[in-house]
Each structure stands twice: as C-alpha cells, then as structure tokens.
Amino acid sequence: MPGEDLPAWSAAWNPDPAWALVASVAPRKRSLVHAAVAHRAWIAAMASFLLGGRRVPPLLDPHRCRFGRWLDSERSTPLGATTTFEQVDQLHRQIHDRADRASAQEATGPNVADAQAEVNELHRLRDDLLEQMNLLLQDAVS
C-alpha cells in the first residue's frame, strides 16, 4: 500500500466484530501463550527431522528449548505451584524423552513407518500438553 493511502485506510478500518468476543490475556500471562507457540514450533521441527525434512534435530535438552526455559522461569511463581503446571512439566519431559529415543533410532537408520509412528505419538503428547496449557491460560484471562 502506498504510504499516502495509509491515513485514509486507517480512518476507515474497523476490526472484525468477532474480535470483540475474544478475551484478552492478562499481560503477566502472555509468556504462557508465547511458550505454547514455541512448543508447537519445536514439535514441528522434531517431526521434520524424524521424517527427513531436516538434517539435525531441535535442541533435545528439555531445559534448553524455549519452552523448557519458560517452564524453568515459572517454577518459583504461583503458576509453578499448581497441579496443572506440574502436569505440563511432566508431559514436556515425556515429549523430550520420546524425541531423544526417536532421534537415536533415526541415527541408526531411518524407517519411514517407525518415524511416522513417533511423529504421531509426539503430536498426541503435544495435544495433551497444549490442553493443559489452555487450562493454565483460562486462569490468566482477564
């Protein structure tokens, strides 16, 4: 859009009415949303590695991935003391354990069926983790 058209566009722009129905996330909990996005990206990178689309896996250390760093930063907060947070932490460790084992198998020779089965299981665990993250987020909606 040419710069000279921006003022008229801005003056005439109206947000989609459905956006008004979306609850906002409390500023102190936005990192939770960012962490969930980072986790989805990590799973996508891991799936790409296992299926041959990537030559190296993402960080396998559960404390070095972006999501793991977020978890570690929240442990000493009130959020970190909740049962749901503990479930998220446990699922995160399961995901990294699974990915670590799958990566080791990949190094010994890829098997497409086995790789797809691992990806399917990682997706199932991802969905379980994100469901728990949504429970944490419900408490964060303002």
Protein backbone atom coordinates (compact mmCIF):
# COMPACT_ATOMS: atom_id res chain seq x y z
CA MET A 1 0.00 0.00 0.00
CA PRO A 2 1.44 3.38 -0.88
CA GLY A 3 2.21 5.47 2.18
CA GLU A 4 -0.14 8.26 1.15
CA ASP A 5 -3.08 5.80 1.26
CA LEU A 6 -2.42 4.78 4.87
CA PRO A 7 -4.26 7.65 6.65
CA ALA A 8 -7.50 7.04 4.72
CA TRP A 9 -7.25 3.29 5.19
CA SER A 10 -6.62 3.70 8.91
CA ALA A 11 -9.54 6.08 9.32
CA ALA A 12 -11.92 3.69 7.55
CA TRP A 13 -10.65 0.44 9.09
CA ASN A 14 -12.88 -1.42 11.53
CA PRO A 15 -11.90 -4.62 13.31
CA ASP A 16 -13.83 -7.80 12.71
CA PRO A 17 -16.77 -7.78 15.20
CA ALA A 18 -15.89 -11.34 16.26
CA TRP A 19 -12.63 -9.99 17.72
CA ALA A 20 -14.61 -8.18 20.38
CA LEU A 21 -15.72 -11.56 21.73
CA VAL A 22 -12.16 -12.82 22.19
CA ALA A 23 -10.98 -12.49 25.76
CA SER A 24 -7.65 -10.80 26.23
CA VAL A 25 -4.82 -12.46 28.07
CA ALA A 26 -3.53 -10.72 31.16
CA PRO A 27 -0.15 -9.13 30.35
CA ARG A 28 1.61 -11.17 33.05
CA LYS A 29 0.44 -14.38 31.34
CA ARG A 30 1.32 -13.56 27.73
CA SER A 31 4.53 -15.51 28.15
CA LEU A 32 2.31 -18.60 28.53
CA VAL A 33 0.92 -18.04 25.02
CA HIS A 34 4.42 -17.45 23.65
CA ALA A 35 5.61 -20.66 25.32
CA ALA A 36 2.79 -22.66 23.71
CA VAL A 37 3.71 -21.26 20.29
CA ALA A 38 7.38 -22.13 20.89
CA HIS A 39 6.38 -25.66 21.86
CA ARG A 40 4.35 -26.12 18.66
CA ALA A 41 7.35 -24.91 16.64
CA TRP A 42 9.68 -27.34 18.44
CA ILE A 43 7.34 -30.27 17.74
CA ALA A 44 7.13 -29.25 14.07
CA ALA A 45 10.94 -29.11 13.86
CA MET A 46 11.25 -32.51 15.53
CA ALA A 47 8.68 -34.04 13.18
CA SER A 48 10.54 -32.58 10.22
CA PHE A 49 13.78 -34.12 11.47
CA LEU A 50 12.23 -37.55 12.03
CA LEU A 51 10.57 -37.52 8.60
CA GLY A 52 13.76 -36.47 6.81
CA GLY A 53 12.99 -32.82 6.11
CA ARG A 54 15.67 -31.56 8.48
CA ARG A 55 19.22 -32.81 8.99
CA VAL A 56 19.58 -32.02 12.68
CA PRO A 57 17.02 -32.24 15.45
CA PRO A 58 15.96 -29.23 17.51
CA LEU A 59 17.50 -28.88 20.97
CA LEU A 60 16.82 -32.13 22.81
CA ASP A 61 17.73 -30.87 26.29
CA PRO A 62 14.37 -30.11 27.96
CA HIS A 63 15.89 -27.18 29.84
CA ARG A 64 17.43 -25.52 26.77
CA CYS A 65 14.46 -25.42 24.39
CA ARG A 66 12.42 -22.21 24.58
CA PHE A 67 9.51 -23.98 26.24
CA GLY A 68 11.80 -25.56 28.83
CA ARG A 69 13.36 -22.20 29.62
CA TRP A 70 9.86 -20.79 30.14
CA LEU A 71 8.98 -23.70 32.45
CA ASP A 72 12.14 -23.17 34.46
CA SER A 73 11.42 -19.44 34.78
CA GLU A 74 7.89 -20.10 36.09
CA ARG A 75 8.73 -22.80 38.65
CA SER A 76 9.11 -20.36 41.55
CA THR A 77 5.95 -18.36 40.70
CA PRO A 78 2.41 -19.09 41.89
CA LEU A 79 1.70 -20.62 38.46
CA GLY A 80 4.56 -23.06 39.01
CA ALA A 81 2.96 -24.30 42.21
CA THR A 82 -0.21 -25.55 40.51
CA THR A 83 -1.06 -29.16 39.74
CA THR A 84 -1.72 -28.24 36.12
CA PHE A 85 1.77 -26.73 35.80
CA GLU A 86 3.23 -29.97 37.16
CA GLN A 87 1.28 -31.93 34.54
CA VAL A 88 2.64 -29.63 31.82
CA ASP A 89 6.15 -30.16 33.16
CA GLN A 90 5.69 -33.93 33.22
CA LEU A 91 4.34 -34.00 29.65
CA HIS A 92 7.22 -31.81 28.50
CA ARG A 93 9.72 -34.28 29.95
CA GLN A 94 7.88 -37.21 28.31
CA ILE A 95 8.00 -35.44 24.97
CA HIS A 96 11.73 -34.81 25.23
CA ASP A 97 12.40 -38.38 26.37
CA ARG A 98 10.42 -39.69 23.41
CA ALA A 99 12.15 -37.33 20.99
CA ASP A 100 15.55 -38.30 22.37
CA ARG A 101 14.86 -42.01 21.84
CA ALA A 102 13.41 -41.37 18.37
CA SER A 103 16.47 -39.31 17.42
CA ALA A 104 18.75 -42.14 18.49
CA GLN A 105 16.76 -44.58 16.35
CA GLU A 106 16.95 -42.15 13.43
CA ALA A 107 20.75 -42.20 13.69
CA THR A 108 20.82 -46.00 13.28
CA GLY A 109 18.86 -45.84 10.05
CA PRO A 110 15.52 -44.23 9.25
CA ASN A 111 12.39 -46.32 8.91
CA VAL A 112 9.51 -44.31 7.48
CA ALA A 113 6.78 -46.26 9.28
CA ASP A 114 8.58 -46.04 12.63
CA ALA A 115 9.30 -42.35 12.11
CA GLN A 116 5.63 -41.65 11.33
CA ALA A 117 4.56 -43.59 14.43
CA GLU A 118 6.93 -41.48 16.56
CA VAL A 119 5.62 -38.27 15.00
CA ASN A 120 2.04 -39.37 15.68
CA GLU A 121 2.90 -40.04 19.31
CA LEU A 122 4.68 -36.69 19.63
CA HIS A 123 1.58 -34.99 18.21
CA ARG A 124 -0.62 -36.79 20.72
CA LEU A 125 1.62 -35.72 23.59
CA ARG A 126 1.76 -32.18 22.16
CA ASP A 127 -2.03 -32.02 22.14
CA ASP A 128 -2.18 -33.26 25.74
CA LEU A 129 0.35 -30.64 26.80
CA LEU A 130 -1.46 -27.84 24.95
CA GLU A 131 -4.74 -28.88 26.57
CA GLN A 132 -3.09 -28.42 29.97
CA MET A 133 -1.63 -25.09 28.81
CA ASN A 134 -5.15 -23.98 27.90
CA LEU A 135 -6.24 -24.79 31.45
CA LEU A 136 -3.43 -22.60 32.75
CA LEU A 137 -4.42 -19.88 30.31
CA GLN A 138 -8.05 -19.92 31.47
CA ASP A 139 -6.83 -18.73 34.82
CA ALA A 140 -4.89 -15.98 33.01
CA VAL A 141 -7.78 -14.49 31.04
CA SER A 142 -8.76 -11.07 32.28
